């Protein structure tokens, strides 16, 4: 199913893709929510932005030399563009297997056993 501009439409969302087929924008017009996605030269997600009438958030992702995601940081803003919180997650790896996640206070969020 497509909208009037021939963009894919699913469950009330509009999707836009770049020339590599990566999702770059997702809109839910009924709720006035828009998400934007940015990627690096390795096609890894480096930033996700969400905007609505009441709130905005920016999540940034970092990777190591092996391409493993090592950090995620999210900043939350109110409708007046005042930042009201920042959250972070660090990712731990054993080889190429994700072994755990911890927040900025080093509280373990997920510990994966193999």
PDB file of N, CA and C in Angstrom:
ATOM      1  N   UNK A   1       0.840  -1.161   0.000  1.00  0.00           N
ATOM      2  CA  UNK A   1       0.000   0.000   0.000  1.00  0.00           C
ATOM      3  C   UNK A   1       0.894   1.236   0.000  1.00  0.00           C
ATOM      4  N   UNK A   2       0.531   2.271  -0.732  1.00  0.00           N
ATOM      5  CA  UNK A   2       1.310   3.505  -0.797  1.00  0.00           C
ATOM      6  C   UNK A   2       0.411   4.698  -0.525  1.00  0.00           C
ATOM      7  N   UNK A   3       1.050   5.834  -0.194  1.00  0.00           N
ATOM      8  CA  UNK A   3       0.291   7.068  -0.007  1.00  0.00           C
ATOM      9  C   UNK A   3       0.196   7.809  -1.335  1.00  0.00           C
ATOM     10  N   UNK A   4      -0.266   9.061  -1.308  1.00  0.00           N
ATOM     11  CA  UNK A   4      -0.453   9.836  -2.540  1.00  0.00           C
ATOM     12  C   UNK A   4       0.858  10.111  -3.271  1.00  0.00           C
ATOM     13  N   UNK A   5       1.971  10.077  -2.551  1.00  0.00           N
ATOM     14  CA  UNK A   5       3.281  10.311  -3.173  1.00  0.00           C
ATOM     15  C   UNK A   5       3.980   9.004  -3.527  1.00  0.00           C
ATOM     16  N   UNK A   6       3.251   7.914  -3.489  1.00  0.00           N
ATOM     17  CA  UNK A   6       3.775   6.580  -3.812  1.00  0.00           C
ATOM     18  C   UNK A   6       4.852   6.116  -2.838  1.00  0.00           C
ATOM     19  N   UNK A   7       4.791   6.580  -1.596  1.00  0.00           N
ATOM     20  CA  UNK A   7       5.703   6.098  -0.568  1.00  0.00           C
ATOM     21  C   UNK A   7       5.041   4.918   0.137  1.00  0.00           C
ATOM     22  N   UNK A   8       5.834   3.940   0.576  1.00  0.00           N
ATOM     23  CA  UNK A   8       5.241   2.812   1.296  1.00  0.00           C
ATOM     24  C   UNK A   8       4.502   3.286   2.544  1.00  0.00           C
ATOM     25  N   UNK A   9       3.366   2.688   2.814  1.00  0.00           N
ATOM     26  CA  UNK A   9       2.543   3.038   3.965  1.00  0.00           C
ATOM     27  C   UNK A   9       2.170   1.748   4.678  1.00  0.00           C
ATOM     28  N   UNK A  10       2.417   1.693   5.963  1.00  0.00           N
ATOM     29  CA  UNK A  10       2.102   0.498   6.728  1.00  0.00           C
ATOM     30  C   UNK A  10       1.714   0.903   8.139  1.00  0.00           C
ATOM     31  N   UNK A  11       0.579   0.436   8.595  1.00  0.00           N
ATOM     32  CA  UNK A  11       0.106   0.732   9.949  1.00  0.00           C
ATOM     33  C   UNK A  11       0.109   2.220  10.255  1.00  0.00           C
ATOM     34  N   UNK A  12      -0.201   3.042   9.280  1.00  0.00           N
ATOM     35  CA  UNK A  12      -0.254   4.481   9.493  1.00  0.00           C
ATOM     36  C   UNK A  12       1.080   5.185   9.406  1.00  0.00           C
ATOM     37  N   UNK A  13       2.146   4.475   9.095  1.00  0.00           N
ATOM     38  CA  UNK A  13       3.479   5.076   8.965  1.00  0.00           C
ATOM     39  C   UNK A  13       3.810   5.318   7.501  1.00  0.00           C
ATOM     40  N   UNK A  14       4.569   6.382   7.246  1.00  0.00           N
ATOM     41  CA  UNK A  14       5.161   6.649   5.933  1.00  0.00           C
ATOM     42  C   UNK A  14       6.657   6.379   6.076  1.00  0.00           C
ATOM     43  N   UNK A  15       7.250   5.695   5.112  1.00  0.00           N
ATOM     44  CA  UNK A  15       8.666   5.351   5.150  1.00  0.00           C
ATOM     45  C   UNK A  15       9.387   5.973   3.966  1.00  0.00           C
ATOM     46  N   UNK A  16      10.581   6.546   4.217  1.00  0.00           N
ATOM     47  CA  UNK A  16      11.454   7.052   3.163  1.00  0.00           C
ATOM     48  C   UNK A  16      12.805   6.357   3.286  1.00  0.00           C
ATOM     49  N   UNK A  17      13.401   6.022   2.135  1.00  0.00           N
ATOM     50  CA  UNK A  17      14.670   5.298   2.092  1.00  0.00           C
ATOM     51  C   UNK A  17      15.670   6.066   1.242  1.00  0.00           C
ATOM     52  N   UNK A  18      16.960   5.872   1.524  1.00  0.00           N
ATOM     53  CA  UNK A  18      17.990   6.497   0.698  1.00  0.00           C
ATOM     54  C   UNK A  18      18.356   5.566  -0.459  1.00  0.00           C
ATOM     55  N   UNK A  19      19.354   5.955  -1.241  1.00  0.00           N
ATOM     56  CA  UNK A  19      19.763   5.181  -2.405  1.00  0.00           C
ATOM     57  C   UNK A  19      20.325   3.809  -2.078  1.00  0.00           C
ATOM     58  N   UNK A  20      20.738   3.596  -0.820  1.00  0.00           N
ATOM     59  CA  UNK A  20      21.248   2.293  -0.393  1.00  0.00           C
ATOM     60  C   UNK A  20      20.142   1.402   0.170  1.00  0.00           C
ATOM     61  N   UNK A  21      18.920   1.917   0.211  1.00  0.00           N
ATOM     62  CA  UNK A  21      17.808   1.152   0.763  1.00  0.00           C
ATOM     63  C   UNK A  21      17.680   1.253   2.268  1.00  0.00           C
ATOM     64  N   UNK A  22      18.428   2.188   2.876  1.00  0.00           N
ATOM     65  CA  UNK A  22      18.372   2.363   4.326  1.00  0.00           C
ATOM     66  C   UNK A  22      17.206   3.276   4.688  1.00  0.00           C
ATOM     67  N   UNK A  23      16.528   2.954   5.766  1.00  0.00           N
ATOM     68  CA  UNK A  23      15.444   3.794   6.257  1.00  0.00           C
ATOM     69  C   UNK A  23      16.024   5.117   6.734  1.00  0.00           C
ATOM     70  N   UNK A  24      15.542   6.236   6.200  1.00  0.00           N
ATOM     71  CA  UNK A  24      16.039   7.541   6.625  1.00  0.00           C
ATOM     72  C   UNK A  24      14.964   8.392   7.301  1.00  0.00           C
ATOM     73  N   UNK A  25      13.692   8.043   7.084  1.00  0.00           N
ATOM     74  CA  UNK A  25      12.623   8.824   7.708  1.00  0.00           C
ATOM     75  C   UNK A  25      11.396   7.944   7.877  1.00  0.00           C
ATOM     76  N   UNK A  26      10.791   8.056   9.048  1.00  0.00           N
ATOM     77  CA  UNK A  26       9.536   7.345   9.318  1.00  0.00           C
ATOM     78  C   UNK A  26       8.587   8.337   9.978  1.00  0.00           C
ATOM     79  N   UNK A  27       7.404   8.481   9.400  1.00  0.00           N
ATOM     80  CA  UNK A  27       6.417   9.427   9.918  1.00  0.00           C
ATOM     81  C   UNK A  27       5.140   8.700  10.298  1.00  0.00           C
ATOM     82  N   UNK A  28       4.540   9.165  11.371  1.00  0.00           N
ATOM     83  CA  UNK A  28       3.200   8.721  11.750  1.00  0.00           C
ATOM     84  C   UNK A  28       2.347   9.983  11.834  1.00  0.00           C
ATOM     85  N   UNK A  29       1.773  10.408  10.695  1.00  0.00           N
ATOM     86  CA  UNK A  29       1.031  11.669  10.634  1.00  0.00           C
ATOM     87  C   UNK A  29      -0.109  11.771  11.640  1.00  0.00           C
ATOM     88  N   UNK A  30      -0.795  10.685  11.911  1.00  0.00           N
ATOM     89  CA  UNK A  30      -1.935  10.736  12.823  1.00  0.00           C
ATOM     90  C   UNK A  30      -1.527  11.187  14.222  1.00  0.00           C
ATOM     91  N   UNK A  31      -0.289  10.894  14.613  1.00  0.00           N
ATOM     92  CA  UNK A  31       0.212  11.272  15.937  1.00  0.00           C
ATOM     93  C   UNK A  31       1.242  12.394  15.860  1.00  0.00           C
ATOM     94  N   UNK A  32       1.489  12.916  14.667  1.00  0.00           N
ATOM     95  CA  UNK A  32       2.455  13.992  14.445  1.00  0.00           C
ATOM     96  C   UNK A  32       3.838  13.633  14.990  1.00  0.00           C
ATOM     97  N   UNK A  33       4.291  12.415  14.697  1.00  0.00           N
ATOM     98  CA  UNK A  33       5.606  11.938  15.122  1.00  0.00           C
ATOM     99  C   UNK A  33       6.445  11.659  13.879  1.00  0.00           C
ATOM    100  N   UNK A  34       7.679  12.172  13.886  1.00  0.00           N
ATOM    101  CA  UNK A  34       8.608  11.923  12.787  1.00  0.00           C
ATOM    102  C   UNK A  34       9.927  11.426  13.358  1.00  0.00           C
ATOM    103  N   UNK A  35      10.500  10.413  12.721  1.00  0.00           N
ATOM    104  CA  UNK A  35      11.808   9.892  13.086  1.00  0.00           C
ATOM    105  C   UNK A  35      12.741  10.029  11.889  1.00  0.00           C
ATOM    106  N   UNK A  36      13.998  10.436  12.146  1.00  0.00           N
ATOM    107  CA  UNK A  36      15.025  10.520  11.112  1.00  0.00           C
ATOM    108  C   UNK A  36      16.180   9.622  11.524  1.00  0.00           C
ATOM    109  N   UNK A  37      16.824   9.009  10.539  1.00  0.00           N
ATOM    110  CA  UNK A  37      17.925   8.092  10.801  1.00  0.00           C
ATOM    111  C   UNK A  37      19.119   8.478   9.935  1.00  0.00           C
ATOM    112  N   UNK A  38      20.324   8.477  10.539  1.00  0.00           N
ATOM    113  CA  UNK A  38      21.565   8.794   9.827  1.00  0.00           C
ATOM    114  C   UNK A  38      22.536   7.627   9.981  1.00  0.00           C
ATOM    115  N   UNK A  39      23.356   7.440   8.947  1.00  0.00           N
ATOM    116  CA  UNK A  39      24.266   6.293   8.895  1.00  0.00           C
ATOM    117  C   UNK A  39      25.677   6.754   8.543  1.00  0.00           C
ATOM    118  N   UNK A  40      26.672   5.953   8.918  1.00  0.00           N
ATOM    119  CA  UNK A  40      28.046   6.250   8.530  1.00  0.00           C
ATOM    120  C   UNK A  40      28.386   5.530   7.225  1.00  0.00           C
ATOM    121  N   UNK A  41      29.650   5.639   6.808  1.00  0.00           N
ATOM    122  CA  UNK A  41      30.076   5.037   5.541  1.00  0.00           C
ATOM    123  C   UNK A  41      30.049   3.510   5.574  1.00  0.00           C
ATOM    124  N   UNK A  42      29.952   2.929   6.775  1.00  0.00           N
ATOM    125  CA  UNK A  42      29.844   1.472   6.918  1.00  0.00           C
ATOM    126  C   UNK A  42      28.376   1.032   6.986  1.00  0.00           C
ATOM    127  N   UNK A  43      27.457   1.956   6.749  1.00  0.00           N
ATOM    128  CA  UNK A  43      26.010   1.701   6.791  1.00  0.00           C
ATOM    129  C   UNK A  43      25.516   1.372   8.197  1.00  0.00           C
ATOM    130  N   UNK A  44      26.253   1.838   9.205  1.00  0.00           N
ATOM    131  CA  UNK A  44      25.833   1.630  10.585  1.00  0.00           C
ATOM    132  C   UNK A  44      25.014   2.834  11.037  1.00  0.00           C
ATOM    133  N   UNK A  45      23.972   2.572  11.788  1.00  0.00           N
ATOM    134  CA  UNK A  45      23.154   3.644  12.338  1.00  0.00           C
ATOM    135  C   UNK A  45      23.993   4.456  13.314  1.00  0.00           C
ATOM    136  N   UNK A  46      24.099   5.771  13.087  1.00  0.00           N
ATOM    137  CA  UNK A  46      24.867   6.618  13.997  1.00  0.00           C
ATOM    138  C   UNK A  46      23.994   7.622  14.742  1.00  0.00           C
ATOM    139  N   UNK A  47      22.794   7.893  14.227  1.00  0.00           N
ATOM    140  CA  UNK A  47      21.913   8.835  14.909  1.00  0.00           C
ATOM    141  C   UNK A  47      20.462   8.540  14.558  1.00  0.00           C
ATOM    142  N   UNK A  48      19.612   8.614  15.568  1.00  0.00           N
ATOM    143  CA  UNK A  48      18.164   8.501  15.378  1.00  0.00           C
ATOM    144  C   UNK A  48      17.529   9.670  16.115  1.00  0.00           C
ATOM    145  N   UNK A  49      16.724  10.442  15.404  1.00  0.00           N
ATOM    146  CA  UNK A  49      16.030  11.584  16.004  1.00  0.00           C
ATOM    147  C   UNK A  49      14.530  11.328  15.960  1.00  0.00           C
ATOM    148  N   UNK A  50      13.853  11.695  17.035  1.00  0.00           N
ATOM    149  CA  UNK A  50      12.402  11.568  17.119  1.00  0.00           C
ATOM    150  C   UNK A  50      11.850  12.930  17.506  1.00  0.00           C
ATOM    151  N   UNK A  51      10.835  13.385  16.760  1.00  0.00           N
ATOM    152  CA  UNK A  51      10.206  14.663  17.085  1.00  0.00           C
ATOM    153  C   UNK A  51       8.701  14.519  17.087  1.00  0.00           C
ATOM    154  N   UNK A  52       8.091  15.145  18.080  1.00  0.00           N
ATOM    155  CA  UNK A  52       6.639  15.267  18.146  1.00  0.00           C
ATOM    156  C   UNK A  52       6.346  16.686  18.627  1.00  0.00           C
ATOM    157  N   UNK A  53       5.100  17.004  18.823  1.00  0.00           N
ATOM    158  CA  UNK A  53       4.749  18.348  19.288  1.00  0.00           C
ATOM    159  C   UNK A  53       5.237  18.614  20.706  1.00  0.00           C
ATOM    160  N   UNK A  54       5.326  17.589  21.523  1.00  0.00           N
ATOM    161  CA  UNK A  54       5.661  17.763  22.936  1.00  0.00           C
ATOM    162  C   UNK A  54       7.090  17.393  23.311  1.00  0.00           C
ATOM    163  N   UNK A  55       7.808  16.747  22.426  1.00  0.00           N
ATOM    164  CA  UNK A  55       9.078  16.168  22.850  1.00  0.00           C
ATOM    165  C   UNK A  55       9.985  15.908  21.651  1.00  0.00           C
ATOM    166  N   UNK A  56      11.276  15.876  21.932  1.00  0.00           N
ATOM    167  CA  UNK A  56      12.268  15.558  20.910  1.00  0.00           C
ATOM    168  C   UNK A  56      13.366  14.752  21.586  1.00  0.00           C
ATOM    169  N   UNK A  57      13.891  13.760  20.888  1.00  0.00           N
ATOM    170  CA  UNK A  57      15.028  13.009  21.419  1.00  0.00           C
ATOM    171  C   UNK A  57      16.030  12.753  20.302  1.00  0.00           C
ATOM    172  N   UNK A  58      17.289  12.681  20.703  1.00  0.00           N
ATOM    173  CA  UNK A  58      18.375  12.377  19.778  1.00  0.00           C
ATOM    174  C   UNK A  58      19.181  11.240  20.393  1.00  0.00           C
ATOM    175  N   UNK A  59      19.307  10.148  19.663  1.00  0.00           N
ATOM    176  CA  UNK A  59      20.101   9.013  20.110  1.00  0.00           C
ATOM    177  C   UNK A  59      21.287   8.869  19.172  1.00  0.00           C
ATOM    178  N   UNK A  60      22.484   8.801  19.755  1.00  0.00           N
ATOM    179  CA  UNK A  60      23.709   8.644  18.971  1.00  0.00           C
ATOM    180  C   UNK A  60      24.355   7.305  19.321  1.00  0.00           C
ATOM    181  N   UNK A  61      24.915   6.670  18.301  1.00  0.00           N
ATOM    182  CA  UNK A  61      25.511   5.346  18.451  1.00  0.00           C
ATOM    183  C   UNK A  61      26.986   5.416  18.081  1.00  0.00           C
ATOM    184  N   UNK A  62      27.827   4.680  18.832  1.00  0.00           N
ATOM    185  CA  UNK A  62      29.258   4.608  18.543  1.00  0.00           C
ATOM    186  C   UNK A  62      29.651   3.146  18.342  1.00  0.00           C
ATOM    187  N   UNK A  63      30.662   2.947  17.498  1.00  0.00           N
ATOM    188  CA  UNK A  63      31.122   1.601  17.141  1.00  0.00           C
ATOM    189  C   UNK A  63      32.629   1.519  17.301  1.00  0.00           C
ATOM    190  N   UNK A  64      33.130   0.321  17.557  1.00  0.00           N
ATOM    191  CA  UNK A  64      34.575   0.132  17.619  1.00  0.00           C
ATOM    192  C   UNK A  64      35.110  -0.210  16.225  1.00  0.00           C
ATOM    193  N   UNK A  65      36.417  -0.452  16.142  1.00  0.00           N
ATOM    194  CA  UNK A  65      37.055  -0.711  14.848  1.00  0.00           C
ATOM    195  C   UNK A  65      36.557  -1.997  14.187  1.00  0.00           C
ATOM    196  N   UNK A  66      35.962  -2.895  14.970  1.00  0.00           N
ATOM    197  CA  UNK A  66      35.430  -4.141  14.419  1.00  0.00           C
ATOM    198  C   UNK A  66      33.968  -4.011  13.995  1.00  0.00           C
ATOM    199  N   UNK A  67      33.418  -2.807  14.159  1.00  0.00           N
ATOM    200  CA  UNK A  67      32.035  -2.575  13.752  1.00  0.00           C
ATOM    201  C   UNK A  67      31.005  -2.947  14.800  1.00  0.00           C
ATOM    202  N   UNK A  68      31.456  -3.199  16.031  1.00  0.00           N
ATOM    203  CA  UNK A  68      30.530  -3.560  17.104  1.00  0.00           C
ATOM    204  C   UNK A  68      30.027  -2.292  17.789  1.00  0.00           C
ATOM    205  N   UNK A  69      28.736  -2.243  18.042  1.00  0.00           N
ATOM    206  CA  UNK A  69      28.175  -1.080  18.747  1.00  0.00           C
ATOM    207  C   UNK A  69      28.682  -1.110  20.179  1.00  0.00           C
ATOM    208  N   UNK A  70      29.298  -0.003  20.616  1.00  0.00           N
ATOM    209  CA  UNK A  70      29.865   0.027  21.960  1.00  0.00           C
ATOM    210  C   UNK A  70      29.161   1.021  22.881  1.00  0.00           C
ATOM    211  N   UNK A  71      28.393   1.944  22.316  1.00  0.00           N
ATOM    212  CA  UNK A  71      27.729   2.944  23.149  1.00  0.00           C
ATOM    213  C   UNK A  71      26.498   3.494  22.451  1.00  0.00           C
ATOM    214  N   UNK A  72      25.505   3.818  23.275  1.00  0.00           N
ATOM    215  CA  UNK A  72      24.296   4.491  22.806  1.00  0.00           C
ATOM    216  C   UNK A  72      23.971   5.569  23.827  1.00  0.00           C
ATOM    217  N   UNK A  73      23.796   6.817  23.376  1.00  0.00           N
ATOM    218  CA  UNK A  73      23.458   7.926  24.258  1.00  0.00           C
ATOM    219  C   UNK A  73      22.220   8.622  23.718  1.00  0.00           C
ATOM    220  N   UNK A  74      21.241   8.851  24.600  1.00  0.00           N
ATOM    221  CA  UNK A  74      20.005   9.516  24.196  1.00  0.00           C
ATOM    222  C   UNK A  74      19.802  10.773  25.023  1.00  0.00           C
ATOM    223  N   UNK A  75      19.551  11.878  24.335  1.00  0.00           N
ATOM    224  CA  UNK A  75      19.215  13.147  24.984  1.00  0.00           C
ATOM    225  C   UNK A  75      17.743  13.424  24.733  1.00  0.00           C
ATOM    226  N   UNK A  76      17.020  13.784  25.798  1.00  0.00           N
ATOM    227  CA  UNK A  76      15.591  14.070  25.703  1.00  0.00           C
ATOM    228  C   UNK A  76      15.360  15.563  25.912  1.00  0.00           C
ATOM    229  N   UNK A  77      14.530  16.154  25.057  1.00  0.00           N
ATOM    230  CA  UNK A  77      14.232  17.582  25.106  1.00  0.00           C
ATOM    231  C   UNK A  77      12.726  17.788  25.191  1.00  0.00           C
ATOM    232  N   UNK A  78      12.317  18.861  25.880  1.00  0.00           N
ATOM    233  CA  UNK A  78      10.896  19.186  25.927  1.00  0.00           C
ATOM    234  C   UNK A  78      10.512  20.022  24.710  1.00  0.00           C
ATOM    235  N   UNK A  79       9.260  20.450  24.657  1.00  0.00           N
ATOM    236  CA  UNK A  79       8.784  21.192  23.488  1.00  0.00           C
ATOM    237  C   UNK A  79       9.435  22.561  23.350  1.00  0.00           C
ATOM    238  N   UNK A  80      10.148  23.018  24.399  1.00  0.00           N
ATOM    239  CA  UNK A  80      10.858  24.297  24.341  1.00  0.00           C
ATOM    240  C   UNK A  80      12.344  24.102  24.051  1.00  0.00           C
ATOM    241  N   UNK A  81      12.722  22.910  23.654  1.00  0.00           N
ATOM    242  CA  UNK A  81      14.109  22.531  23.336  1.00  0.00           C
ATOM    243  C   UNK A  81      15.034  22.573  24.546  1.00  0.00           C
ATOM    244  N   UNK A  82      14.474  22.409  25.733  1.00  0.00           N
ATOM    245  CA  UNK A  82      15.274  22.321  26.948  1.00  0.00           C
ATOM    246  C   UNK A  82      15.541  20.845  27.241  1.00  0.00           C
ATOM    247  N   UNK A  83      16.828  20.507  27.348  1.00  0.00           N
ATOM    248  CA  UNK A  83      17.165  19.110  27.634  1.00  0.00           C
ATOM    249  C   UNK A  83      16.773  18.795  29.071  1.00  0.00           C
ATOM    250  N   UNK A  84      16.058  17.691  29.267  1.00  0.00           N
ATOM    251  CA  UNK A  84      15.652  17.323  30.617  1.00  0.00           C
ATOM    252  C   UNK A  84      16.236  15.995  31.084  1.00  0.00           C
ATOM    253  N   UNK A  85      16.837  15.232  30.184  1.00  0.00           N
ATOM    254  CA  UNK A  85      17.529  14.024  30.638  1.00  0.00           C
ATOM    255  C   UNK A  85      18.450  13.494  29.546  1.00  0.00           C
ATOM    256  N   UNK A  86      19.454  12.762  30.006  1.00  0.00           N
ATOM    257  CA  UNK A  86      20.375  12.064  29.112  1.00  0.00           C
ATOM    258  C   UNK A  86      20.570  10.661  29.671  1.00  0.00           C
ATOM    259  N   UNK A  87      20.452   9.675  28.813  1.00  0.00           N
ATOM    260  CA  UNK A  87      20.676   8.294  29.230  1.00  0.00           C
ATOM    261  C   UNK A  87      21.729   7.674  28.323  1.00  0.00           C
ATOM    262  N   UNK A  88      22.468   6.746  28.875  1.00  0.00           N
ATOM    263  CA  UNK A  88      23.501   6.088  28.086  1.00  0.00           C
ATOM    264  C   UNK A  88      23.558   4.602  28.367  1.00  0.00           C
ATOM    265  N   UNK A  89      24.018   3.868  27.384  1.00  0.00           N
ATOM    266  CA  UNK A  89      24.196   2.426  27.514  1.00  0.00           C
ATOM    267  C   UNK A  89      25.527   2.052  26.877  1.00  0.00           C
ATOM    268  N   UNK A  90      26.325   1.272  27.600  1.00  0.00           N
ATOM    269  CA  UNK A  90      27.569   0.724  27.061  1.00  0.00           C
ATOM    270  C   UNK A  90      27.352  -0.756  26.773  1.00  0.00           C
ATOM    271  N   UNK A  91      27.924  -1.222  25.672  1.00  0.00           N
ATOM    272  CA  UNK A  91      27.770  -2.603  25.250  1.00  0.00           C
ATOM    273  C   UNK A  91      29.093  -3.336  25.425  1.00  0.00           C
ATOM    274  N   UNK A  92      29.040  -4.549  25.971  1.00  0.00           N
ATOM    275  CA  UNK A  92      30.226  -5.390  26.175  1.00  0.00           C
ATOM    276  C   UNK A  92      30.184  -6.555  25.199  1.00  0.00           C
ATOM    277  N   UNK A  93      31.376  -6.946  24.762  1.00  0.00           N
ATOM    278  CA  UNK A  93      31.471  -8.001  23.750  1.00  0.00           C
ATOM    279  C   UNK A  93      32.487  -9.046  24.169  1.00  0.00           C
ATOM    280  N   UNK A  94      32.238 -10.285  23.774  1.00  0.00           N
ATOM    281  CA  UNK A  94      33.211 -11.372  23.843  1.00  0.00           C
ATOM    282  C   UNK A  94      33.378 -11.837  22.412  1.00  0.00           C
ATOM    283  N   UNK A  95      34.465 -11.424  21.798  1.00  0.00           N
ATOM    284  CA  UNK A  95      34.632 -11.676  20.371  1.00  0.00           C
ATOM    285  C   UNK A  95      33.566 -10.902  19.618  1.00  0.00           C
ATOM    286  N   UNK A  96      32.830 -11.578  18.771  1.00  0.00           N
ATOM    287  CA  UNK A  96      31.760 -10.921  18.019  1.00  0.00           C
ATOM    288  C   UNK A  96      30.385 -11.169  18.633  1.00  0.00           C
ATOM    289  N   UNK A  97      30.347 -11.677  19.855  1.00  0.00           N
ATOM    290  CA  UNK A  97      29.078 -11.925  20.544  1.00  0.00           C
ATOM    291  C   UNK A  97      28.839 -10.856  21.593  1.00  0.00           C
ATOM    292  N   UNK A  98      27.668 -10.265  21.558  1.00  0.00           N
ATOM    293  CA  UNK A  98      27.275  -9.306  22.581  1.00  0.00           C
ATOM    294  C   UNK A  98      27.159 -10.045  23.906  1.00  0.00           C
ATOM    295  N   UNK A  99      27.869  -9.554  24.933  1.00  0.00           N
ATOM    296  CA  UNK A  99      27.853 -10.252  26.220  1.00  0.00           C
ATOM    297  C   UNK A  99      27.102  -9.490  27.301  1.00  0.00           C
ATOM    298  N   UNK A 100      26.856  -8.188  27.103  1.00  0.00           N
ATOM    299  CA  UNK A 100      26.123  -7.457  28.126  1.00  0.00           C
ATOM    300  C   UNK A 100      25.915  -6.004  27.778  1.00  0.00           C
ATOM    301  N   UNK A 101      25.026  -5.391  28.555  1.00  0.00           N
ATOM    302  CA  UNK A 101      24.734  -3.966  28.433  1.00  0.00           C
ATOM    303  C   UNK A 101      24.709  -3.373  29.833  1.00  0.00           C
ATOM    304  N   UNK A 102      25.243  -2.162  29.983  1.00  0.00           N
ATOM    305  CA  UNK A 102      25.223  -1.472  31.273  1.00  0.00           C
ATOM    306  C   UNK A 102      24.887  -0.011  31.034  1.00  0.00           C
ATOM    307  N   UNK A 103      24.153   0.590  31.988  1.00  0.00           N
ATOM    308  CA  UNK A 103      23.823   2.008  31.839  1.00  0.00           C
ATOM    309  C   UNK A 103      24.967   2.868  32.357  1.00  0.00           C
ATOM    310  N   UNK A 104      24.792   4.178  32.320  1.00  0.00           N
ATOM    311  CA  UNK A 104      25.866   5.113  32.673  1.00  0.00           C
ATOM    312  C   UNK A 104      26.319   4.949  34.123  1.00  0.00           C
ATOM    313  N   UNK A 105      25.455   4.460  35.001  1.00  0.00           N
ATOM    314  CA  UNK A 105      25.817   4.238  36.400  1.00  0.00           C
ATOM    315  C   UNK A 105      26.446   2.856  36.600  1.00  0.00           C
ATOM    316  N   UNK A 106      26.752   2.180  35.496  1.00  0.00           N
ATOM    317  CA  UNK A 106      27.351   0.842  35.488  1.00  0.00           C
ATOM    318  C   UNK A 106      26.429  -0.219  36.080  1.00  0.00           C
ATOM    319  N   UNK A 107      25.130   0.047  36.094  1.00  0.00           N
ATOM    320  CA  UNK A 107      24.169  -0.986  36.459  1.00  0.00           C
ATOM    321  C   UNK A 107      24.009  -1.910  35.256  1.00  0.00           C
ATOM    322  N   UNK A 108      24.140  -3.184  35.483  1.00  0.00           N
ATOM    323  CA  UNK A 108      24.011  -4.143  34.388  1.00  0.00           C
ATOM    324  C   UNK A 108      22.545  -4.239  33.992  1.00  0.00           C
ATOM    325  N   UNK A 109      22.272  -3.965  32.731  1.00  0.00           N
ATOM    326  CA  UNK A 109      20.915  -4.037  32.221  1.00  0.00           C
ATOM    327  C   UNK A 109      20.617  -5.417  31.671  1.00  0.00           C
ATOM    328  N   UNK A 110      21.574  -5.974  30.954  1.00  0.00           N
ATOM    329  CA  UNK A 110      21.409  -7.288  30.336  1.00  0.00           C
ATOM    330  C   UNK A 110      22.758  -7.989  30.388  1.00  0.00           C
ATOM    331  N   UNK A 111      22.761  -9.216  30.816  1.00  0.00           N
ATOM    332  CA  UNK A 111      23.962 -10.039  30.780  1.00  0.00           C
ATOM    333  C   UNK A 111      23.605 -11.288  29.997  1.00  0.00           C
ATOM    334  N   UNK A 112      24.241 -11.452  28.861  1.00  0.00           N
ATOM    335  CA  UNK A 112      23.914 -12.567  27.979  1.00  0.00           C
ATOM    336  C   UNK A 112      24.869 -13.721  28.234  1.00  0.00           C
ATOM    337  N   UNK A 113      24.311 -14.876  28.457  1.00  0.00           N
ATOM    338  CA  UNK A 113      25.114 -16.072  28.695  1.00  0.00           C
ATOM    339  C   UNK A 113      25.152 -16.896  27.417  1.00  0.00           C
ATOM    340  N   UNK A 114      26.303 -17.477  27.125  1.00  0.00           N
ATOM    341  CA  UNK A 114      26.421 -18.305  25.922  1.00  0.00           C
ATOM    342  C   UNK A 114      26.629 -19.749  26.289  1.00  0.00           C
TER     343      UNK A 114
END
